[in-house]
Amino acid sequence: MSLSAGLRVEIGRLARSRLDLALLTLLPAVLLASMAAMIFPGSLHSLKVVVVDRDGGTLARAIVRTIEASPRLKLAGVTPQIGVALSAIRREQAQAVLVIPSGVGTAGTEHQPIESLYQAQFLAAGSLASTDLELATAAALGTNSTSATHLAGLDQVPRLAPGIHVRLLGNPTLSLEWYLGLLLGPGVLHLLIAVTAIGSAGLLLEGKSFETFAGATAAPAMWIIGRMMPHVAAGTLWGTAWFLWLTLARGYRLEGSLWVVLVGLFLLFVATVAIGLFLLAVTRETATALSGAVIIAGSALAYSGASLPINGAPWVAQAWNAVLPLTHYLRLQMDEAMGAALRPAFIEAGWLLVYPLGPGLLALFLMSRERRR
């Protein structure tokens, strides 16, 4: 059978070529291990903050003590001058500032609100530092205020009302390791498998033509599918290993089904190979096809909507987002990460099937039609 023949030929080629074998075995291990090491600390901690204390009273000192006790914050200084705090921000010695106005906690409505300022140039660190500042301030107010209704100047600080318990869903520890791990592992493997698949299929070219291959091969389309199977399998296995690392070894919880995510991984790499074959069949040049794969897969994380918002972006960015296979896989994955219903997962899986059934079949037709000539 041509399917098994193509599979045997590809396995034999990989066994003979140390470089190509390393691209499917050693390089993914190195890349995933490097990413695991970089994001291993998990949540950001010791975020430096400055308190601008213009009051100096009992409540202001209680807020400062609560901030000092916060496990994710590191008090870089207390000063009555806002200029000193902003200077620390500009020198990157702090990520956020809490401004306590004069007269905080006294009755009346003429006082300024407590303000939380953060460095948006480094959005994640600044936003988390500001959030922790506000939570610490709210905790101090709840502990030290006898009557919250008589406190003045607290309009902009969230307060926990009695009987209300706030719980974070999906990522309760605000872990960047879990968030980035869900994105980086599939994104890197998506690019790597596109490169290895094109590199393998590009060996079938002879003078910008598949005529020699197609003319000498029975059922060339099935033969090509068999040749691509090790690449799909390698991507799926490494993606599975990455998820097992995050969930079993690191202890993060997937609220939905891991099996649905693994099926999505398989469909992602089938789509990846289909796009790679399509680029090669259209360009008839391995280098050009590789360049196209790098553009598509390399930009996928940025335009998938997972790291940068797509809502409100120009229509070109939204259209590019819609045609990327990684977009649909990440939507499926994130739905399962928070335990969404299965219907959205089926919809995204259907979109992932468009790539092998559309560009993939067209690529097989273009690569094998020379046999009829």
Protein backbone atom coordinates (compact mmCIF):
# COMPACT_ATOMS: atom_id res chain seq x y z
CA MET A 1 0.00 0.00 0.00
CA SER A 2 1.37 3.41 -0.96
CA LEU A 3 0.45 4.88 2.43
CA SER A 4 2.61 2.40 4.29
CA ALA A 5 5.30 2.64 1.60
CA GLY A 6 5.59 6.39 2.08
CA LEU A 7 5.72 5.91 5.84
CA ARG A 8 8.50 3.33 5.56
CA VAL A 9 10.53 5.52 3.22
CA GLU A 10 10.26 8.52 5.55
CA ILE A 11 11.22 6.50 8.62
CA GLY A 12 14.21 5.11 6.74
CA ARG A 13 15.25 8.60 5.62
CA LEU A 14 15.03 9.92 9.17
CA ALA A 15 17.09 7.00 10.43
CA ARG A 16 19.84 7.84 7.90
CA SER A 17 19.80 11.62 8.36
CA ARG A 18 20.92 12.66 11.83
CA LEU A 19 20.02 16.29 11.19
CA ASP A 20 16.44 15.58 10.11
CA LEU A 21 15.97 13.12 12.96
CA ALA A 22 17.26 15.71 15.42
CA LEU A 23 14.72 18.24 14.10
CA LEU A 24 11.92 15.91 15.18
CA THR A 25 13.45 14.59 18.40
CA LEU A 26 16.29 16.59 19.93
CA LEU A 27 15.33 20.13 18.87
CA PRO A 28 11.74 19.98 20.23
CA ALA A 29 13.11 18.65 23.53
CA VAL A 30 15.64 21.50 23.73
CA LEU A 31 13.08 24.18 22.86
CA LEU A 32 10.42 22.92 25.26
CA ALA A 33 12.97 22.46 28.06
CA SER A 34 14.25 26.00 27.50
CA MET A 35 10.74 27.43 27.68
CA ALA A 36 9.97 25.37 30.77
CA ALA A 37 13.06 26.78 32.47
CA MET A 38 12.20 30.37 31.53
CA ILE A 39 8.64 30.26 32.86
CA PHE A 40 9.31 27.84 35.75
CA PRO A 41 8.93 30.45 38.55
CA GLY A 42 5.21 30.60 37.69
CA SER A 43 3.69 33.78 39.09
CA LEU A 44 5.50 37.10 39.24
CA HIS A 45 6.67 37.97 42.74
CA SER A 46 8.66 40.69 44.51
CA LEU A 47 7.03 43.33 42.32
CA LYS A 48 8.51 46.61 43.48
CA VAL A 49 6.11 49.36 44.52
CA VAL A 50 6.42 52.83 46.05
CA VAL A 51 3.90 54.35 48.45
CA VAL A 52 3.36 58.10 48.36
CA ASP A 53 2.06 58.77 51.88
CA ARG A 54 0.67 62.29 52.16
CA ASP A 55 -1.22 61.55 55.36
CA GLY A 56 1.03 59.65 57.78
CA GLY A 57 -1.89 58.68 59.98
CA THR A 58 -2.90 55.37 61.54
CA LEU A 59 -4.79 54.08 58.49
CA ALA A 60 -2.00 55.09 56.11
CA ARG A 61 0.56 53.23 58.22
CA ALA A 62 -1.73 50.17 58.28
CA ILE A 63 -1.92 50.22 54.48
CA VAL A 64 1.88 50.35 54.28
CA ARG A 65 2.22 47.40 56.69
CA THR A 66 -0.24 45.35 54.66
CA ILE A 67 1.68 46.06 51.46
CA GLU A 68 4.92 45.00 53.18
CA ALA A 69 3.27 41.72 54.20
CA SER A 70 2.00 40.97 50.69
CA PRO A 71 3.85 37.91 49.27
CA ARG A 72 3.93 39.28 45.73
CA LEU A 73 4.94 42.86 46.51
CA LYS A 74 8.21 44.39 47.61
CA LEU A 75 8.02 47.85 49.12
CA ALA A 76 10.74 49.90 47.43
CA GLY A 77 10.09 53.01 49.49
CA VAL A 78 7.67 55.35 51.22
CA THR A 79 7.78 59.04 50.34
CA PRO A 80 5.49 62.07 50.61
CA GLN A 81 6.56 63.28 47.14
CA ILE A 82 4.96 61.96 43.95
CA GLY A 83 7.98 63.09 41.93
CA VAL A 84 10.26 60.69 43.80
CA ALA A 85 7.88 57.79 43.09
CA LEU A 86 7.56 58.60 39.38
CA SER A 87 11.33 58.90 39.14
CA ALA A 88 11.60 55.36 40.54
CA ILE A 89 9.18 54.19 37.86
CA ARG A 90 11.28 55.80 35.12
CA ARG A 91 14.44 54.18 36.49
CA GLU A 92 12.60 50.81 36.46
CA GLN A 93 13.08 50.54 40.22
CA ALA A 94 9.34 50.13 40.72
CA GLN A 95 6.39 48.90 38.70
CA ALA A 96 3.55 50.66 40.52
CA VAL A 97 2.78 53.53 42.91
CA LEU A 98 0.08 53.88 45.55
CA VAL A 99 -0.83 57.48 46.47
CA ILE A 100 -2.46 57.91 49.91
CA PRO A 101 -3.97 61.42 50.12
CA SER A 102 -3.96 63.64 53.16
CA GLY A 103 -6.92 63.07 55.45
CA VAL A 104 -7.61 59.52 54.33
CA GLY A 105 -10.13 57.79 56.54
CA THR A 106 -11.71 60.96 57.94
CA ALA A 107 -15.31 61.95 57.42
CA GLY A 108 -16.17 64.29 54.58
CA THR A 109 -16.30 64.33 50.80
CA GLU A 110 -13.63 66.86 49.87
CA HIS A 111 -10.70 64.46 50.02
CA GLN A 112 -8.88 63.07 47.03
CA PRO A 113 -9.21 59.34 46.27
CA ILE A 114 -6.51 56.79 46.92
CA GLU A 115 -4.78 56.32 43.55
CA SER A 116 -3.00 53.34 42.07
CA LEU A 117 -0.58 54.12 39.22
CA TYR A 118 1.35 51.50 37.28
CA GLN A 119 3.86 51.24 34.48
CA ALA A 120 1.92 50.16 31.37
CA GLN A 121 5.09 49.92 29.28
CA PHE A 122 5.54 46.51 30.96
CA LEU A 123 1.85 45.71 31.05
CA ALA A 124 1.80 42.34 32.81
CA ALA A 125 4.12 43.29 35.68
CA GLY A 126 2.60 46.73 36.15
CA SER A 127 -0.99 45.49 36.03
CA LEU A 128 -0.33 42.68 38.52
CA ALA A 129 1.51 45.05 40.87
CA SER A 130 -1.37 47.52 40.72
CA THR A 131 -3.92 44.76 41.37
CA ASP A 132 -1.97 43.51 44.39
CA LEU A 133 -1.67 47.07 45.70
CA GLU A 134 -5.42 47.55 45.48
CA LEU A 135 -6.11 44.21 47.18
CA ALA A 136 -3.66 45.01 49.98
CA THR A 137 -5.24 48.44 50.42
CA ALA A 138 -8.73 46.96 50.51
CA ALA A 139 -7.59 44.43 53.11
CA ALA A 140 -6.10 47.18 55.27
CA LEU A 141 -9.29 49.24 55.00
CA GLY A 142 -11.43 46.27 55.93
CA THR A 143 -9.27 45.49 58.97
CA ASN A 144 -8.64 48.98 60.30
CA SER A 145 -11.80 50.90 59.45
CA THR A 146 -14.63 50.80 61.93
CA SER A 147 -17.16 52.12 59.44
CA ALA A 148 -16.43 51.96 55.71
CA THR A 149 -19.33 54.26 54.99
CA HIS A 150 -17.60 57.16 56.78
CA LEU A 151 -14.27 56.79 54.98
CA ALA A 152 -13.54 59.60 52.60
CA GLY A 153 -11.51 59.57 49.44
CA LEU A 154 -11.64 55.83 48.70
CA ASP A 155 -13.72 55.96 45.52
CA GLN A 156 -11.13 54.35 43.26
CA VAL A 157 -10.04 51.47 45.49
CA PRO A 158 -12.11 48.25 45.25
CA ARG A 159 -13.50 47.24 48.65
CA LEU A 160 -14.67 43.74 49.55
CA ALA A 161 -18.21 44.04 50.85
CA PRO A 162 -19.24 41.83 53.78
CA GLY A 163 -20.47 38.43 52.62
CA ILE A 164 -18.80 38.62 49.19
CA HIS A 165 -15.98 36.25 48.40
CA VAL A 166 -13.95 36.90 45.22
CA ARG A 167 -12.52 33.81 43.53
CA LEU A 168 -10.36 33.70 40.42
CA LEU A 169 -11.33 31.03 37.90
CA GLY A 170 -9.08 29.15 35.48
CA ASN A 171 -5.80 30.58 36.74
CA PRO A 172 -6.33 31.32 40.44
CA THR A 173 -2.64 31.88 41.15
CA LEU A 174 -2.28 34.35 38.25
CA SER A 175 0.51 32.09 37.01
CA LEU A 176 2.33 33.26 33.92
CA GLU A 177 3.77 29.75 33.60
CA TRP A 178 0.30 28.27 33.02
CA TYR A 179 -0.79 31.12 30.74
CA LEU A 180 2.38 31.24 28.64
CA GLY A 181 2.78 27.45 28.67
CA LEU A 182 -0.59 27.07 26.97
CA LEU A 183 0.60 29.39 24.20
CA LEU A 184 4.31 28.81 23.70
CA GLY A 185 4.44 25.01 23.50
CA PRO A 186 1.92 24.58 20.66
CA GLY A 187 3.18 27.74 18.94
CA VAL A 188 6.80 26.60 18.77
CA LEU A 189 5.86 23.07 17.67
CA HIS A 190 3.52 24.50 15.02
CA LEU A 191 6.43 26.33 13.40
CA LEU A 192 8.88 23.45 13.77
CA ILE A 193 6.60 20.82 12.19
CA ALA A 194 5.83 23.15 9.28
CA VAL A 195 9.56 23.41 8.60
CA THR A 196 10.26 19.67 8.88
CA ALA A 197 7.28 18.73 6.69
CA ILE A 198 8.30 21.13 3.91
CA GLY A 199 11.90 19.98 4.17
CA SER A 200 10.83 16.37 3.70
CA ALA A 201 8.38 16.96 0.86
CA GLY A 202 10.82 19.33 -0.83
CA LEU A 203 13.10 16.35 -1.54
CA LEU A 204 10.48 15.15 -4.05
CA LEU A 205 11.09 18.19 -6.24
CA GLU A 206 13.29 17.84 -9.28
CA GLY A 207 13.82 20.99 -11.28
CA LYS A 208 10.73 22.70 -9.81
CA SER A 209 8.60 19.73 -10.82
CA PHE A 210 7.09 16.67 -9.16
CA GLU A 211 6.89 14.86 -12.50
CA THR A 212 9.66 12.36 -11.82
CA PHE A 213 8.28 11.47 -8.40
CA ALA A 214 4.66 11.27 -9.55
CA GLY A 215 5.49 9.24 -12.63
CA ALA A 216 7.47 6.64 -10.70
CA THR A 217 5.11 6.28 -7.72
CA ALA A 218 1.84 4.40 -7.53
CA ALA A 219 -0.86 6.50 -5.83
CA PRO A 220 1.50 9.43 -5.15
CA ALA A 221 -1.06 11.31 -3.04
CA MET A 222 -1.33 8.43 -0.55
CA TRP A 223 2.44 8.04 -0.65
CA ILE A 224 2.87 11.70 0.37
CA ILE A 225 0.36 11.31 3.20
CA GLY A 226 2.34 8.33 4.49
CA ARG A 227 5.52 10.38 4.30
CA MET A 228 3.97 13.16 6.38
CA MET A 229 2.69 10.86 9.14
CA PRO A 230 5.92 10.90 11.22
CA HIS A 231 5.81 14.70 11.31
CA VAL A 232 2.20 14.80 12.50
CA ALA A 233 2.97 12.09 15.06
CA ALA A 234 6.07 13.90 16.35
CA GLY A 235 4.21 17.18 16.82
CA THR A 236 1.31 15.46 18.58
CA LEU A 237 3.57 13.45 20.88
CA TRP A 238 5.69 16.44 21.86
CA GLY A 239 2.56 18.53 22.41
CA THR A 240 1.15 15.78 24.61
CA ALA A 241 4.38 15.63 26.59
CA TRP A 242 4.24 19.40 27.09
CA PHE A 243 0.69 19.22 28.45
CA LEU A 244 1.59 16.35 30.76
CA TRP A 245 4.48 18.44 32.06
CA LEU A 246 2.19 21.38 32.80
CA THR A 247 -0.61 19.34 34.38
CA LEU A 248 1.06 16.35 36.05
CA ALA A 249 4.55 17.65 36.83
CA ARG A 250 3.70 21.30 37.53
CA GLY A 251 0.24 20.70 38.99
CA TYR A 252 -1.88 23.04 36.87
CA ARG A 253 -5.47 22.02 36.33
CA LEU A 254 -7.29 21.70 33.03
CA GLU A 255 -10.98 22.20 33.81
CA GLY A 256 -12.12 20.53 30.58
CA SER A 257 -11.07 17.34 28.81
CA LEU A 258 -7.42 16.62 28.14
CA TRP A 259 -8.47 14.19 25.41
CA VAL A 260 -10.25 16.98 23.52
CA VAL A 261 -7.08 19.07 23.70
CA LEU A 262 -4.97 16.17 22.40
CA VAL A 263 -7.36 15.64 19.48
CA GLY A 264 -7.07 19.35 18.80
CA LEU A 265 -3.27 19.03 18.84
CA PHE A 266 -3.46 16.24 16.26
CA LEU A 267 -5.72 18.34 14.04
CA LEU A 268 -3.39 21.33 14.44
CA PHE A 269 -0.42 19.39 13.09
CA VAL A 270 -2.48 17.86 10.29
CA ALA A 271 -3.42 21.43 9.34
CA THR A 272 0.22 22.51 9.69
CA VAL A 273 1.42 19.81 7.30
CA ALA A 274 -1.42 20.60 4.86
CA ILE A 275 -0.43 24.27 4.70
CA GLY A 276 3.24 23.35 4.27
CA LEU A 277 2.42 21.03 1.34
CA PHE A 278 0.22 23.70 -0.19
CA LEU A 279 3.01 26.29 -0.07
CA LEU A 280 5.42 23.84 -1.63
CA ALA A 281 2.99 22.74 -4.35
CA VAL A 282 2.25 26.35 -5.34
CA THR A 283 5.77 27.80 -5.19
CA ARG A 284 7.68 24.71 -6.37
CA GLU A 285 10.64 26.00 -4.36
CA THR A 286 11.59 24.65 -0.96
CA ALA A 287 13.22 27.89 0.21
CA THR A 288 10.20 29.98 -0.75
CA ALA A 289 7.82 27.53 0.89
CA LEU A 290 9.90 27.60 4.07
CA SER A 291 9.82 31.39 4.07
CA GLY A 292 6.05 31.32 3.72
CA ALA A 293 5.75 28.83 6.57
CA VAL A 294 7.88 31.03 8.81
CA ILE A 295 5.65 34.02 8.02
CA ILE A 296 2.45 32.09 8.70
CA ALA A 297 3.50 30.04 11.72
CA GLY A 298 5.96 32.59 13.08
CA SER A 299 3.32 35.32 13.28
CA ALA A 300 0.60 32.98 14.52
CA LEU A 301 1.05 33.68 18.24
CA ALA A 302 0.97 37.43 17.75
CA TYR A 303 -2.17 37.35 15.58
CA SER A 304 -4.01 34.46 17.25
CA GLY A 305 -5.72 36.81 19.69
CA ALA A 306 -4.29 35.00 22.72
CA SER A 307 -1.40 37.37 23.43
CA LEU A 308 -2.63 40.57 21.78
CA PRO A 309 -6.29 41.62 21.45
CA ILE A 310 -7.78 41.33 17.96
CA ASN A 311 -11.14 42.93 18.77
CA GLY A 312 -11.09 46.41 17.33
CA ALA A 313 -7.99 45.72 15.22
CA PRO A 314 -7.94 46.66 11.50
CA TRP A 315 -9.84 44.27 9.24
CA VAL A 316 -6.57 43.00 7.76
CA ALA A 317 -5.39 41.79 11.19
CA GLN A 318 -8.78 40.23 11.91
CA ALA A 319 -8.80 38.45 8.54
CA TRP A 320 -5.27 37.14 9.13
CA ASN A 321 -6.32 35.98 12.57
CA ALA A 322 -9.27 34.07 11.10
CA VAL A 323 -7.22 32.12 8.54
CA LEU A 324 -4.48 30.97 10.93
CA PRO A 325 -4.88 27.36 12.15
CA LEU A 326 -3.24 28.20 15.47
CA THR A 327 -6.09 30.65 16.17
CA HIS A 328 -8.68 27.88 16.07
CA TYR A 329 -6.55 25.46 18.04
CA LEU A 330 -5.89 28.00 20.81
CA ARG A 331 -9.59 28.80 21.03
CA LEU A 332 -10.32 25.09 21.46
CA GLN A 333 -7.55 24.75 24.02
CA MET A 334 -8.55 27.80 26.06
CA ASP A 335 -12.18 26.67 26.11
CA GLU A 336 -11.07 23.35 27.56
CA ALA A 337 -8.71 25.07 30.00
CA MET A 338 -11.69 26.84 31.59
CA GLY A 339 -14.10 23.92 31.19
CA ALA A 340 -16.40 25.35 28.51
CA ALA A 341 -19.08 23.28 26.79
CA LEU A 342 -18.08 20.91 23.99
CA ARG A 343 -19.95 22.74 21.23
CA PRO A 344 -17.34 25.50 20.80
CA ALA A 345 -14.61 22.83 20.70
CA PHE A 346 -16.42 20.99 17.91
CA ILE A 347 -16.74 24.23 15.96
CA GLU A 348 -13.00 24.97 16.22
CA ALA A 349 -12.17 21.33 15.37
CA GLY A 350 -14.32 21.75 12.26
CA TRP A 351 -12.34 24.81 11.26
CA LEU A 352 -9.09 22.88 11.72
CA LEU A 353 -10.41 20.21 9.32
CA VAL A 354 -10.82 22.87 6.62
CA TYR A 355 -7.04 23.00 6.09
CA PRO A 356 -6.44 19.34 5.13
CA LEU A 357 -9.71 19.18 3.19
CA GLY A 358 -9.04 22.44 1.35
CA PRO A 359 -5.39 23.48 0.82
CA GLY A 360 -4.19 19.97 1.70
CA LEU A 361 -6.21 18.16 -0.97
CA LEU A 362 -5.35 20.85 -3.50
CA ALA A 363 -1.65 20.40 -2.72
CA LEU A 364 -1.89 16.63 -3.19
CA PHE A 365 -3.64 17.18 -6.52
CA LEU A 366 -0.98 19.63 -7.74
CA MET A 367 1.86 17.34 -6.64
CA SER A 368 0.43 14.15 -8.16
CA ARG A 369 -1.24 15.38 -11.36
CA GLU A 370 2.06 15.12 -13.23
CA ARG A 371 1.55 11.37 -13.22
CA ARG A 372 -1.34 11.77 -15.67
CA ARG A 373 0.78 13.92 -17.94
